[in-house]
């Protein structure tokens, strides 16, 4: 991307009631963020996912669930393609695999599969079980799902049972648990939240929210094997510190995790031989609750959603050494919970 190219971002936020500005698109020119469009009248659109000429949005409602899909192909206009109630409760994440959209339900401990084109429900599963933390793991809490790089498996993070489930994608049957390794069980009380694959497809990095750790896995022959673990807590951090989001840089050289409490992105350099990590340092986000962040497709910028501070910030980033630079701009977005760059 050249120096003067405009970038596009999307944000979602907690609104408490139906709001016209729960989801917004933004233009960024390398120095200034400008709000461009608003999408629908939505309640707590806490997660957004741009995919091609569509934008998928989940509404996080405690006693219900709904998902919306917008057309964003026309830069000047947008329209709702569908907006449907679906099974589940407390939706918090969605992902695309092929023509299917899989939606994670935190409150209900559910995974719902929709036809990404029509919104028709194609799959639904309610997970059972609980963990050792009586406050946060009293039941299953599905926090995210992502496909494997080859699209043959769907991995599902269950914060409530300390499991990373593995489903096989079957063209005729749909999803079914992998018989050879149905799940990977992390330590009791860790609480799997979000994860990211390395671009080479060989390594997976999992954030465990409750104990604020980062786990490294080798993914080979459709099996997960843990090969490393790193604490994201440092001396002086609040006891309530919680890990949140995770992303690998587009070139696969660096990894970042957001940590709520100290209010930072924690960076690592990825060892190209084995996927293990070298600490890169901490980068302040200016707010104690960086729930979400995202790296621009060219790696030059990092956008951060500081939920409790209510700000959307963009930092410069150096591709060669992975260091985050100065804060380039900051705009007010009350209770912002998710930010995504458009590819």
C-alpha atoms as a PDB file:
ATOM      1  CA  UNK A   1       0.000   0.000   0.000  1.00  0.00           C
ATOM      2  CA  UNK A   2       1.382   3.382  -0.862  1.00  0.00           C
ATOM      3  CA  UNK A   3       1.887   6.276   1.509  1.00  0.00           C
ATOM      4  CA  UNK A   4      -1.381   7.996   0.615  1.00  0.00           C
ATOM      5  CA  UNK A   5      -3.723   5.032   0.391  1.00  0.00           C
ATOM      6  CA  UNK A   6      -6.752   5.107   2.655  1.00  0.00           C
ATOM      7  CA  UNK A   7      -7.433   2.150   4.924  1.00  0.00           C
ATOM      8  CA  UNK A   8     -10.853   1.030   6.147  1.00  0.00           C
ATOM      9  CA  UNK A   9     -11.721  -0.258   9.624  1.00  0.00           C
ATOM     10  CA  UNK A  10     -14.855  -1.489  11.361  1.00  0.00           C
ATOM     11  CA  UNK A  11     -15.781  -1.226  15.026  1.00  0.00           C
ATOM     12  CA  UNK A  12     -18.428  -2.819  17.219  1.00  0.00           C
ATOM     13  CA  UNK A  13     -19.372  -1.743  20.722  1.00  0.00           C
ATOM     14  CA  UNK A  14     -21.678  -2.398  23.665  1.00  0.00           C
ATOM     15  CA  UNK A  15     -24.736  -0.153  23.438  1.00  0.00           C
ATOM     16  CA  UNK A  16     -27.152  -1.476  26.093  1.00  0.00           C
ATOM     17  CA  UNK A  17     -30.084  -0.688  23.810  1.00  0.00           C
ATOM     18  CA  UNK A  18     -30.741  -0.497  20.054  1.00  0.00           C
ATOM     19  CA  UNK A  19     -28.359   2.060  18.590  1.00  0.00           C
ATOM     20  CA  UNK A  20     -27.647   3.382  15.100  1.00  0.00           C
ATOM     21  CA  UNK A  21     -23.920   3.762  15.782  1.00  0.00           C
ATOM     22  CA  UNK A  22     -23.196   0.397  17.389  1.00  0.00           C
ATOM     23  CA  UNK A  23     -21.272  -0.611  14.275  1.00  0.00           C
ATOM     24  CA  UNK A  24     -19.285   1.937  12.285  1.00  0.00           C
ATOM     25  CA  UNK A  25     -16.806   1.978   9.441  1.00  0.00           C
ATOM     26  CA  UNK A  26     -13.818   4.323   9.509  1.00  0.00           C
ATOM     27  CA  UNK A  27     -11.329   5.676   7.016  1.00  0.00           C
ATOM     28  CA  UNK A  28      -7.697   6.042   8.050  1.00  0.00           C
ATOM     29  CA  UNK A  29      -5.192   7.962   5.926  1.00  0.00           C
ATOM     30  CA  UNK A  30      -2.092   7.264   7.994  1.00  0.00           C
ATOM     31  CA  UNK A  31      -2.730  10.165  10.351  1.00  0.00           C
ATOM     32  CA  UNK A  32      -6.453  10.733  10.939  1.00  0.00           C
ATOM     33  CA  UNK A  33      -9.463   8.470  11.601  1.00  0.00           C
ATOM     34  CA  UNK A  34     -12.755   9.616  10.077  1.00  0.00           C
ATOM     35  CA  UNK A  35     -16.060   7.926  10.764  1.00  0.00           C
ATOM     36  CA  UNK A  36     -17.635   6.927   7.482  1.00  0.00           C
ATOM     37  CA  UNK A  37     -20.832   4.893   7.938  1.00  0.00           C
ATOM     38  CA  UNK A  38     -23.170   3.430  10.549  1.00  0.00           C
ATOM     39  CA  UNK A  39     -24.839   0.050  10.223  1.00  0.00           C
ATOM     40  CA  UNK A  40     -28.399  -0.670  11.319  1.00  0.00           C
ATOM     41  CA  UNK A  41     -30.051  -0.375  14.698  1.00  0.00           C
ATOM     42  CA  UNK A  42     -28.348  -3.086  16.725  1.00  0.00           C
ATOM     43  CA  UNK A  43     -28.097  -4.107  20.385  1.00  0.00           C
ATOM     44  CA  UNK A  44     -24.603  -4.751  21.761  1.00  0.00           C
ATOM     45  CA  UNK A  45     -22.904  -5.558  18.435  1.00  0.00           C
ATOM     46  CA  UNK A  46     -19.794  -6.699  20.278  1.00  0.00           C
ATOM     47  CA  UNK A  47     -18.016  -8.507  17.421  1.00  0.00           C
ATOM     48  CA  UNK A  48     -17.644  -7.638  13.743  1.00  0.00           C
ATOM     49  CA  UNK A  49     -16.117  -9.637  10.894  1.00  0.00           C
ATOM     50  CA  UNK A  50     -15.479  -8.085   7.462  1.00  0.00           C
ATOM     51  CA  UNK A  51     -15.237 -10.763   4.781  1.00  0.00           C
ATOM     52  CA  UNK A  52     -15.016  -9.773   1.135  1.00  0.00           C
ATOM     53  CA  UNK A  53     -17.976  -7.555   0.291  1.00  0.00           C
ATOM     54  CA  UNK A  54     -19.872  -8.532   3.451  1.00  0.00           C
ATOM     55  CA  UNK A  55     -19.768  -7.533   7.101  1.00  0.00           C
ATOM     56  CA  UNK A  56     -21.005 -10.003   9.721  1.00  0.00           C
ATOM     57  CA  UNK A  57     -22.091  -8.751  13.147  1.00  0.00           C
ATOM     58  CA  UNK A  58     -23.137 -10.619  16.301  1.00  0.00           C
ATOM     59  CA  UNK A  59     -25.380  -9.061  18.935  1.00  0.00           C
ATOM     60  CA  UNK A  60     -24.403 -10.020  22.485  1.00  0.00           C
ATOM     61  CA  UNK A  61     -27.705 -10.454  24.311  1.00  0.00           C
ATOM     62  CA  UNK A  62     -27.871 -12.418  27.570  1.00  0.00           C
ATOM     63  CA  UNK A  63     -31.189 -14.160  26.957  1.00  0.00           C
ATOM     64  CA  UNK A  64     -31.158 -14.334  23.165  1.00  0.00           C
ATOM     65  CA  UNK A  65     -29.008 -14.301  20.058  1.00  0.00           C
ATOM     66  CA  UNK A  66     -29.041 -12.623  16.670  1.00  0.00           C
ATOM     67  CA  UNK A  67     -26.656 -12.165  13.765  1.00  0.00           C
ATOM     68  CA  UNK A  68     -26.691  -9.578  10.972  1.00  0.00           C
ATOM     69  CA  UNK A  69     -25.039  -9.468   7.569  1.00  0.00           C
ATOM     70  CA  UNK A  70     -24.414  -6.241   5.644  1.00  0.00           C
ATOM     71  CA  UNK A  71     -23.295  -5.584   2.093  1.00  0.00           C
ATOM     72  CA  UNK A  72     -20.185  -3.374   2.072  1.00  0.00           C
ATOM     73  CA  UNK A  73     -19.078  -3.794  -1.538  1.00  0.00           C
ATOM     74  CA  UNK A  74     -20.226  -0.290  -2.447  1.00  0.00           C
ATOM     75  CA  UNK A  75     -17.969   2.193  -0.686  1.00  0.00           C
ATOM     76  CA  UNK A  76     -20.698   4.829  -0.588  1.00  0.00           C
ATOM     77  CA  UNK A  77     -23.645   2.721   0.530  1.00  0.00           C
ATOM     78  CA  UNK A  78     -24.353  -0.321   2.659  1.00  0.00           C
ATOM     79  CA  UNK A  79     -27.457  -2.438   3.067  1.00  0.00           C
ATOM     80  CA  UNK A  80     -28.593  -5.169   5.411  1.00  0.00           C
ATOM     81  CA  UNK A  81     -28.749  -8.530   3.621  1.00  0.00           C
ATOM     82  CA  UNK A  82     -30.223 -10.413   6.548  1.00  0.00           C
ATOM     83  CA  UNK A  83     -30.714 -10.022  10.285  1.00  0.00           C
ATOM     84  CA  UNK A  84     -31.869 -13.144  12.092  1.00  0.00           C
ATOM     85  CA  UNK A  85     -32.436 -14.587  15.523  1.00  0.00           C
ATOM     86  CA  UNK A  86     -30.439 -17.775  16.029  1.00  0.00           C
ATOM     87  CA  UNK A  87     -30.110 -20.411  18.775  1.00  0.00           C
ATOM     88  CA  UNK A  88     -27.761 -19.591  21.631  1.00  0.00           C
ATOM     89  CA  UNK A  89     -27.168 -16.734  24.053  1.00  0.00           C
ATOM     90  CA  UNK A  90     -24.481 -14.158  24.708  1.00  0.00           C
ATOM     91  CA  UNK A  91     -22.859 -14.331  21.271  1.00  0.00           C
ATOM     92  CA  UNK A  92     -19.272 -13.056  21.297  1.00  0.00           C
ATOM     93  CA  UNK A  93     -17.399 -14.201  18.164  1.00  0.00           C
ATOM     94  CA  UNK A  94     -17.859 -15.437  14.602  1.00  0.00           C
ATOM     95  CA  UNK A  95     -15.688 -16.949  11.899  1.00  0.00           C
ATOM     96  CA  UNK A  96     -16.035 -17.930   8.245  1.00  0.00           C
ATOM     97  CA  UNK A  97     -15.108 -21.258   6.712  1.00  0.00           C
ATOM     98  CA  UNK A  98     -16.189 -21.788   3.122  1.00  0.00           C
ATOM     99  CA  UNK A  99     -19.821 -20.712   2.849  1.00  0.00           C
ATOM    100  CA  UNK A 100     -20.488 -21.247   6.553  1.00  0.00           C
ATOM    101  CA  UNK A 101     -20.476 -18.765   9.419  1.00  0.00           C
ATOM    102  CA  UNK A 102     -19.826 -20.219  12.878  1.00  0.00           C
ATOM    103  CA  UNK A 103     -20.957 -18.163  15.859  1.00  0.00           C
ATOM    104  CA  UNK A 104     -19.715 -18.684  19.418  1.00  0.00           C
ATOM    105  CA  UNK A 105     -22.119 -18.248  22.336  1.00  0.00           C
ATOM    106  CA  UNK A 106     -20.394 -17.430  25.614  1.00  0.00           C
ATOM    107  CA  UNK A 107     -23.408 -17.317  27.921  1.00  0.00           C
ATOM    108  CA  UNK A 108     -25.112 -20.361  26.445  1.00  0.00           C
ATOM    109  CA  UNK A 109     -21.965 -22.399  25.799  1.00  0.00           C
ATOM    110  CA  UNK A 110     -23.033 -22.862  22.192  1.00  0.00           C
ATOM    111  CA  UNK A 111     -21.728 -23.043  18.643  1.00  0.00           C
ATOM    112  CA  UNK A 112     -24.144 -22.167  15.837  1.00  0.00           C
ATOM    113  CA  UNK A 113     -23.424 -22.706  12.148  1.00  0.00           C
ATOM    114  CA  UNK A 114     -25.195 -20.549   9.564  1.00  0.00           C
ATOM    115  CA  UNK A 115     -25.217 -20.431   5.799  1.00  0.00           C
ATOM    116  CA  UNK A 116     -23.110 -17.307   5.282  1.00  0.00           C
ATOM    117  CA  UNK A 117     -25.120 -16.302   2.213  1.00  0.00           C
ATOM    118  CA  UNK A 118     -28.687 -16.759   3.480  1.00  0.00           C
ATOM    119  CA  UNK A 119     -28.302 -16.822   7.267  1.00  0.00           C
ATOM    120  CA  UNK A 120     -30.113 -20.158   7.529  1.00  0.00           C
ATOM    121  CA  UNK A 121     -29.147 -22.194  10.594  1.00  0.00           C
ATOM    122  CA  UNK A 122     -27.302 -25.359   9.520  1.00  0.00           C
ATOM    123  CA  UNK A 123     -25.707 -26.559  12.769  1.00  0.00           C
ATOM    124  CA  UNK A 124     -26.200 -26.111  16.500  1.00  0.00           C
ATOM    125  CA  UNK A 125     -24.434 -27.607  19.492  1.00  0.00           C
ATOM    126  CA  UNK A 126     -24.692 -26.872  23.196  1.00  0.00           C
ATOM    127  CA  UNK A 127     -21.566 -27.866  25.118  1.00  0.00           C
ATOM    128  CA  UNK A 128     -21.675 -29.383  28.591  1.00  0.00           C
ATOM    129  CA  UNK A 129     -19.297 -29.494  31.529  1.00  0.00           C
ATOM    130  CA  UNK A 130     -17.607 -27.060  33.895  1.00  0.00           C
ATOM    131  CA  UNK A 131     -14.180 -26.132  35.212  1.00  0.00           C
ATOM    132  CA  UNK A 132     -12.425 -25.524  38.513  1.00  0.00           C
ATOM    133  CA  UNK A 133     -13.087 -21.774  38.748  1.00  0.00           C
ATOM    134  CA  UNK A 134     -16.535 -21.585  40.353  1.00  0.00           C
ATOM    135  CA  UNK A 135     -17.055 -17.942  39.350  1.00  0.00           C
ATOM    136  CA  UNK A 136     -16.055 -18.136  35.675  1.00  0.00           C
ATOM    137  CA  UNK A 137     -16.251 -21.844  34.855  1.00  0.00           C
ATOM    138  CA  UNK A 138     -19.585 -22.900  36.326  1.00  0.00           C
ATOM    139  CA  UNK A 139     -20.569 -24.141  32.857  1.00  0.00           C
ATOM    140  CA  UNK A 140     -19.328 -24.228  29.299  1.00  0.00           C
ATOM    141  CA  UNK A 141     -18.465 -20.823  27.814  1.00  0.00           C
ATOM    142  CA  UNK A 142     -17.586 -20.971  24.117  1.00  0.00           C
ATOM    143  CA  UNK A 143     -15.430 -17.912  23.431  1.00  0.00           C
ATOM    144  CA  UNK A 144     -14.167 -18.331  19.852  1.00  0.00           C
ATOM    145  CA  UNK A 145     -13.740 -20.689  16.918  1.00  0.00           C
ATOM    146  CA  UNK A 146     -11.343 -20.719  13.966  1.00  0.00           C
ATOM    147  CA  UNK A 147     -10.722 -23.079  11.041  1.00  0.00           C
ATOM    148  CA  UNK A 148      -7.389 -24.792  10.554  1.00  0.00           C
ATOM    149  CA  UNK A 149      -5.381 -23.316   7.656  1.00  0.00           C
ATOM    150  CA  UNK A 150      -6.329 -26.179   5.323  1.00  0.00           C
ATOM    151  CA  UNK A 151     -10.034 -25.798   6.161  1.00  0.00           C
ATOM    152  CA  UNK A 152     -10.425 -29.434   7.217  1.00  0.00           C
ATOM    153  CA  UNK A 153     -10.997 -28.782  10.928  1.00  0.00           C
ATOM    154  CA  UNK A 154     -12.745 -26.221  13.121  1.00  0.00           C
ATOM    155  CA  UNK A 155     -11.175 -25.518  16.518  1.00  0.00           C
ATOM    156  CA  UNK A 156     -13.417 -24.219  19.309  1.00  0.00           C
ATOM    157  CA  UNK A 157     -12.170 -22.584  22.532  1.00  0.00           C
ATOM    158  CA  UNK A 158     -14.250 -23.363  25.627  1.00  0.00           C
ATOM    159  CA  UNK A 159     -13.256 -21.098  28.512  1.00  0.00           C
ATOM    160  CA  UNK A 160     -15.598 -22.918  30.879  1.00  0.00           C
ATOM    161  CA  UNK A 161     -14.190 -26.443  30.517  1.00  0.00           C
ATOM    162  CA  UNK A 162     -10.537 -25.642  29.718  1.00  0.00           C
ATOM    163  CA  UNK A 163     -10.821 -27.363  26.354  1.00  0.00           C
ATOM    164  CA  UNK A 164      -9.863 -26.609  22.784  1.00  0.00           C
ATOM    165  CA  UNK A 165     -12.289 -28.762  20.793  1.00  0.00           C
ATOM    166  CA  UNK A 166     -11.471 -30.077  17.329  1.00  0.00           C
ATOM    167  CA  UNK A 167     -14.207 -30.757  14.782  1.00  0.00           C
ATOM    168  CA  UNK A 168     -13.842 -32.385  11.367  1.00  0.00           C
ATOM    169  CA  UNK A 169     -15.512 -30.618   8.462  1.00  0.00           C
ATOM    170  CA  UNK A 170     -17.566 -33.141   6.458  1.00  0.00           C
ATOM    171  CA  UNK A 171     -19.245 -31.970   3.247  1.00  0.00           C
ATOM    172  CA  UNK A 172     -22.256 -34.256   3.751  1.00  0.00           C
ATOM    173  CA  UNK A 173     -22.620 -34.510   7.528  1.00  0.00           C
ATOM    174  CA  UNK A 174     -21.262 -31.115   8.559  1.00  0.00           C
ATOM    175  CA  UNK A 175     -19.314 -30.876  11.819  1.00  0.00           C
ATOM    176  CA  UNK A 176     -18.369 -33.889  13.901  1.00  0.00           C
ATOM    177  CA  UNK A 177     -15.837 -34.254  16.695  1.00  0.00           C
ATOM    178  CA  UNK A 178     -12.465 -35.548  15.566  1.00  0.00           C
ATOM    179  CA  UNK A 179     -12.350 -39.135  16.840  1.00  0.00           C
ATOM    180  CA  UNK A 180      -8.540 -39.241  17.011  1.00  0.00           C
ATOM    181  CA  UNK A 181      -8.273 -36.065  19.129  1.00  0.00           C
ATOM    182  CA  UNK A 182     -11.688 -34.594  20.021  1.00  0.00           C
ATOM    183  CA  UNK A 183     -10.141 -31.890  22.210  1.00  0.00           C
ATOM    184  CA  UNK A 184      -6.977 -30.693  23.899  1.00  0.00           C
ATOM    185  CA  UNK A 185      -7.339 -30.236  27.652  1.00  0.00           C
ATOM    186  CA  UNK A 186      -5.317 -27.334  29.070  1.00  0.00           C
ATOM    187  CA  UNK A 187      -4.559 -26.997  32.785  1.00  0.00           C
ATOM    188  CA  UNK A 188      -7.457 -26.558  35.182  1.00  0.00           C
ATOM    189  CA  UNK A 189      -8.547 -22.943  35.534  1.00  0.00           C
ATOM    190  CA  UNK A 190      -6.621 -21.550  32.557  1.00  0.00           C
ATOM    191  CA  UNK A 191      -9.689 -20.598  30.497  1.00  0.00           C
ATOM    192  CA  UNK A 192      -9.010 -20.727  26.711  1.00  0.00           C
ATOM    193  CA  UNK A 193     -10.197 -17.534  24.999  1.00  0.00           C
ATOM    194  CA  UNK A 194      -8.756 -16.693  21.566  1.00  0.00           C
ATOM    195  CA  UNK A 195      -6.110 -18.301  19.366  1.00  0.00           C
ATOM    196  CA  UNK A 196      -4.244 -17.700  16.125  1.00  0.00           C
ATOM    197  CA  UNK A 197      -2.464 -19.891  13.608  1.00  0.00           C
ATOM    198  CA  UNK A 198       0.900 -18.995  12.160  1.00  0.00           C
ATOM    199  CA  UNK A 199       0.714 -18.356   8.380  1.00  0.00           C
ATOM    200  CA  UNK A 200       2.724 -21.541   7.774  1.00  0.00           C
ATOM    201  CA  UNK A 201      -0.074 -23.593   9.386  1.00  0.00           C
ATOM    202  CA  UNK A 202       2.363 -25.494  11.624  1.00  0.00           C
ATOM    203  CA  UNK A 203       1.999 -23.555  14.878  1.00  0.00           C
ATOM    204  CA  UNK A 204      -0.980 -22.427  16.925  1.00  0.00           C
ATOM    205  CA  UNK A 205      -0.925 -19.829  19.711  1.00  0.00           C
ATOM    206  CA  UNK A 206      -3.654 -19.904  22.376  1.00  0.00           C
ATOM    207  CA  UNK A 207      -4.477 -17.198  24.916  1.00  0.00           C
ATOM    208  CA  UNK A 208      -5.807 -18.465  28.231  1.00  0.00           C
ATOM    209  CA  UNK A 209      -7.738 -15.618  29.823  1.00  0.00           C
ATOM    210  CA  UNK A 210      -8.060 -16.613  33.452  1.00  0.00           C
ATOM    211  CA  UNK A 211      -4.414 -17.352  34.265  1.00  0.00           C
ATOM    212  CA  UNK A 212      -3.152 -14.819  31.696  1.00  0.00           C
ATOM    213  CA  UNK A 213      -0.938 -17.216  29.739  1.00  0.00           C
ATOM    214  CA  UNK A 214       0.072 -17.887  26.152  1.00  0.00           C
ATOM    215  CA  UNK A 215       0.349 -21.511  25.008  1.00  0.00           C
ATOM    216  CA  UNK A 216       2.254 -22.675  21.932  1.00  0.00           C
ATOM    217  CA  UNK A 217       1.225 -25.779  19.983  1.00  0.00           C
ATOM    218  CA  UNK A 218       2.694 -27.692  17.100  1.00  0.00           C
ATOM    219  CA  UNK A 219      -0.064 -28.639  14.646  1.00  0.00           C
ATOM    220  CA  UNK A 220       0.982 -31.654  12.616  1.00  0.00           C
ATOM    221  CA  UNK A 221      -1.014 -34.480  11.003  1.00  0.00           C
ATOM    222  CA  UNK A 222      -4.198 -32.868  12.333  1.00  0.00           C
ATOM    223  CA  UNK A 223      -3.013 -33.179  15.937  1.00  0.00           C
ATOM    224  CA  UNK A 224      -2.245 -30.539  18.558  1.00  0.00           C
ATOM    225  CA  UNK A 225       0.809 -30.964  20.769  1.00  0.00           C
ATOM    226  CA  UNK A 226       1.757 -28.294  23.298  1.00  0.00           C
ATOM    227  CA  UNK A 227       5.417 -27.277  23.036  1.00  0.00           C
ATOM    228  CA  UNK A 228       5.606 -24.066  25.065  1.00  0.00           C
ATOM    229  CA  UNK A 229       3.953 -21.765  27.607  1.00  0.00           C
ATOM    230  CA  UNK A 230       4.593 -18.123  28.525  1.00  0.00           C
ATOM    231  CA  UNK A 231       3.164 -16.052  31.360  1.00  0.00           C
ATOM    232  CA  UNK A 232       1.683 -12.715  30.321  1.00  0.00           C
ATOM    233  CA  UNK A 233       1.748 -11.361  33.878  1.00  0.00           C
ATOM    234  CA  UNK A 234       4.646  -9.311  35.174  1.00  0.00           C
ATOM    235  CA  UNK A 235       5.596  -8.129  38.643  1.00  0.00           C
ATOM    236  CA  UNK A 236       3.336  -5.269  39.673  1.00  0.00           C
ATOM    237  CA  UNK A 237       0.433  -6.240  37.415  1.00  0.00           C
ATOM    238  CA  UNK A 238      -3.022  -6.251  39.047  1.00  0.00           C
ATOM    239  CA  UNK A 239      -4.171  -9.666  40.268  1.00  0.00           C
ATOM    240  CA  UNK A 240      -7.233  -9.158  38.083  1.00  0.00           C
ATOM    241  CA  UNK A 241      -5.170  -8.992  34.865  1.00  0.00           C
ATOM    242  CA  UNK A 242      -6.828 -10.923  32.037  1.00  0.00           C
ATOM    243  CA  UNK A 243      -5.464 -11.808  28.603  1.00  0.00           C
ATOM    244  CA  UNK A 244      -7.750 -10.976  25.695  1.00  0.00           C
ATOM    245  CA  UNK A 245      -6.929 -10.802  21.970  1.00  0.00           C
ATOM    246  CA  UNK A 246      -4.119 -12.332  19.895  1.00  0.00           C
ATOM    247  CA  UNK A 247      -2.734 -11.823  16.379  1.00  0.00           C
ATOM    248  CA  UNK A 248       0.281 -12.891  14.345  1.00  0.00           C
ATOM    249  CA  UNK A 249       1.843 -10.256  12.077  1.00  0.00           C
ATOM    250  CA  UNK A 250       1.082 -10.721   8.354  1.00  0.00           C
ATOM    251  CA  UNK A 251       4.684 -11.759   7.640  1.00  0.00           C
ATOM    252  CA  UNK A 252       4.614 -14.383  10.411  1.00  0.00           C
ATOM    253  CA  UNK A 253       7.607 -12.932  12.250  1.00  0.00           C
ATOM    254  CA  UNK A 254       5.902 -11.485  15.337  1.00  0.00           C
ATOM    255  CA  UNK A 255       3.030 -12.207  17.724  1.00  0.00           C
ATOM    256  CA  UNK A 256       1.054  -9.852  19.971  1.00  0.00           C
ATOM    257  CA  UNK A 257      -1.394 -10.408  22.838  1.00  0.00           C
ATOM    258  CA  UNK A 258      -3.511  -7.762  24.581  1.00  0.00           C
ATOM    259  CA  UNK A 259      -3.571  -7.833  28.380  1.00  0.00           C
ATOM    260  CA  UNK A 260      -6.321  -6.129  30.373  1.00  0.00           C
ATOM    261  CA  UNK A 261      -5.158  -4.735  33.693  1.00  0.00           C
ATOM    262  CA  UNK A 262      -1.732  -3.355  32.799  1.00  0.00           C
ATOM    263  CA  UNK A 263      -3.286  -2.106  29.542  1.00  0.00           C
ATOM    264  CA  UNK A 264      -0.744  -3.279  27.022  1.00  0.00           C
ATOM    265  CA  UNK A 265       0.078  -5.323  23.987  1.00  0.00           C
ATOM    266  CA  UNK A 266       2.737  -7.879  24.795  1.00  0.00           C
ATOM    267  CA  UNK A 267       4.939  -8.632  21.806  1.00  0.00           C
ATOM    268  CA  UNK A 268       7.018 -11.664  20.878  1.00  0.00           C
ATOM    269  CA  UNK A 269       9.379 -12.553  18.072  1.00  0.00           C
ATOM    270  CA  UNK A 270       8.595 -15.957  16.576  1.00  0.00           C
ATOM    271  CA  UNK A 271      11.528 -18.319  16.174  1.00  0.00           C
ATOM    272  CA  UNK A 272      11.390 -19.454  12.559  1.00  0.00           C
ATOM    273  CA  UNK A 273      12.854 -22.884  13.351  1.00  0.00           C
ATOM    274  CA  UNK A 274      10.263 -24.086  15.864  1.00  0.00           C
ATOM    275  CA  UNK A 275       7.597 -21.429  16.474  1.00  0.00           C
ATOM    276  CA  UNK A 276       8.710 -20.732  20.041  1.00  0.00           C
ATOM    277  CA  UNK A 277       8.872 -17.136  21.239  1.00  0.00           C
ATOM    278  CA  UNK A 278      11.378 -14.490  22.262  1.00  0.00           C
ATOM    279  CA  UNK A 279       9.984 -11.565  24.327  1.00  0.00           C
ATOM    280  CA  UNK A 280       9.778  -8.348  22.342  1.00  0.00           C
ATOM    281  CA  UNK A 281       8.480  -6.089  25.110  1.00  0.00           C
ATOM    282  CA  UNK A 282       5.302  -4.420  26.265  1.00  0.00           C
ATOM    283  CA  UNK A 283       3.570  -1.577  24.464  1.00  0.00           C
ATOM    284  CA  UNK A 284       1.116   0.625  26.370  1.00  0.00           C
ATOM    285  CA  UNK A 285      -2.327   1.052  24.840  1.00  0.00           C
ATOM    286  CA  UNK A 286      -3.203   4.081  26.952  1.00  0.00           C
ATOM    287  CA  UNK A 287      -6.174   2.318  28.566  1.00  0.00           C
ATOM    288  CA  UNK A 288      -6.355  -0.582  31.010  1.00  0.00           C
ATOM    289  CA  UNK A 289      -8.814  -2.688  28.977  1.00  0.00           C
ATOM    290  CA  UNK A 290      -7.580  -3.348  25.405  1.00  0.00           C
ATOM    291  CA  UNK A 291     -10.247  -5.961  24.645  1.00  0.00           C
ATOM    292  CA  UNK A 292      -9.519  -6.064  20.920  1.00  0.00           C
ATOM    293  CA  UNK A 293      -6.762  -5.072  18.512  1.00  0.00           C
ATOM    294  CA  UNK A 294      -5.920  -5.773  14.884  1.00  0.00           C
ATOM    295  CA  UNK A 295      -2.879  -5.394  12.627  1.00  0.00           C
ATOM    296  CA  UNK A 296      -3.370  -3.723   9.236  1.00  0.00           C
ATOM    297  CA  UNK A 297      -2.954  -6.042   6.210  1.00  0.00           C
ATOM    298  CA  UNK A 298       0.418  -4.475   5.339  1.00  0.00           C
ATOM    299  CA  UNK A 299       1.609  -4.622   8.956  1.00  0.00           C
ATOM    300  CA  UNK A 300       2.246  -0.875   9.232  1.00  0.00           C
ATOM    301  CA  UNK A 301      -0.455  -0.033  11.788  1.00  0.00           C
ATOM    302  CA  UNK A 302      -2.135  -1.517  14.852  1.00  0.00           C
ATOM    303  CA  UNK A 303      -5.663  -0.464  15.830  1.00  0.00           C
ATOM    304  CA  UNK A 304      -6.672  -0.935  19.485  1.00  0.00           C
ATOM    305  CA  UNK A 305     -10.149  -0.952  21.049  1.00  0.00           C
ATOM    306  CA  UNK A 306      -9.894   0.244  24.672  1.00  0.00           C
ATOM    307  CA  UNK A 307     -13.292  -0.853  25.976  1.00  0.00           C
ATOM    308  CA  UNK A 308     -13.494   0.801  29.395  1.00  0.00           C
ATOM    309  CA  UNK A 309     -11.744   3.992  28.307  1.00  0.00           C
ATOM    310  CA  UNK A 310     -14.003   4.151  25.246  1.00  0.00           C
ATOM    311  CA  UNK A 311     -11.308   4.954  22.693  1.00  0.00           C
ATOM    312  CA  UNK A 312     -10.195   3.645  19.319  1.00  0.00           C
ATOM    313  CA  UNK A 313      -6.480   4.200  18.778  1.00  0.00           C
ATOM    314  CA  UNK A 314      -4.063   3.596  15.916  1.00  0.00           C
ATOM    315  CA  UNK A 315      -0.337   3.079  16.474  1.00  0.00           C
ATOM    316  CA  UNK A 316       2.440   2.872  13.925  1.00  0.00           C
ATOM    317  CA  UNK A 317       4.319  -0.407  13.641  1.00  0.00           C
ATOM    318  CA  UNK A 318       7.723  -1.280  12.237  1.00  0.00           C
ATOM    319  CA  UNK A 319       7.669  -4.388  10.055  1.00  0.00           C
ATOM    320  CA  UNK A 320      11.401  -5.046  10.339  1.00  0.00           C
ATOM    321  CA  UNK A 321      11.660  -5.357  14.129  1.00  0.00           C
ATOM    322  CA  UNK A 322       8.012  -5.609  15.245  1.00  0.00           C
ATOM    323  CA  UNK A 323       8.195  -2.559  17.504  1.00  0.00           C
ATOM    324  CA  UNK A 324       5.100  -0.426  17.967  1.00  0.00           C
ATOM    325  CA  UNK A 325       5.720   3.265  17.465  1.00  0.00           C
ATOM    326  CA  UNK A 326       3.873   6.413  18.380  1.00  0.00           C
ATOM    327  CA  UNK A 327       0.159   6.905  18.822  1.00  0.00           C
ATOM    328  CA  UNK A 328      -1.038   8.388  15.527  1.00  0.00           C
ATOM    329  CA  UNK A 329      -4.654   9.140  16.397  1.00  0.00           C
ATOM    330  CA  UNK A 330      -7.331   8.511  18.998  1.00  0.00           C
ATOM    331  CA  UNK A 331     -11.113   8.886  18.700  1.00  0.00           C
ATOM    332  CA  UNK A 332     -13.909   8.376  21.205  1.00  0.00           C
ATOM    333  CA  UNK A 333     -16.002   5.217  20.749  1.00  0.00           C
ATOM    334  CA  UNK A 334     -17.899   4.463  23.988  1.00  0.00           C
ATOM    335  CA  UNK A 335     -17.578   0.835  25.174  1.00  0.00           C
ATOM    336  CA  UNK A 336     -15.815  -0.228  21.968  1.00  0.00           C
ATOM    337  CA  UNK A 337     -15.292  -3.995  22.023  1.00  0.00           C
ATOM    338  CA  UNK A 338     -13.980  -4.974  18.590  1.00  0.00           C
ATOM    339  CA  UNK A 339     -11.914  -3.479  15.777  1.00  0.00           C
ATOM    340  CA  UNK A 340     -11.072  -5.036  12.395  1.00  0.00           C
ATOM    341  CA  UNK A 341      -9.196  -3.746   9.366  1.00  0.00           C
ATOM    342  CA  UNK A 342     -10.737  -4.521   6.004  1.00  0.00           C
ATOM    343  CA  UNK A 343      -8.440  -6.468   3.686  1.00  0.00           C
END
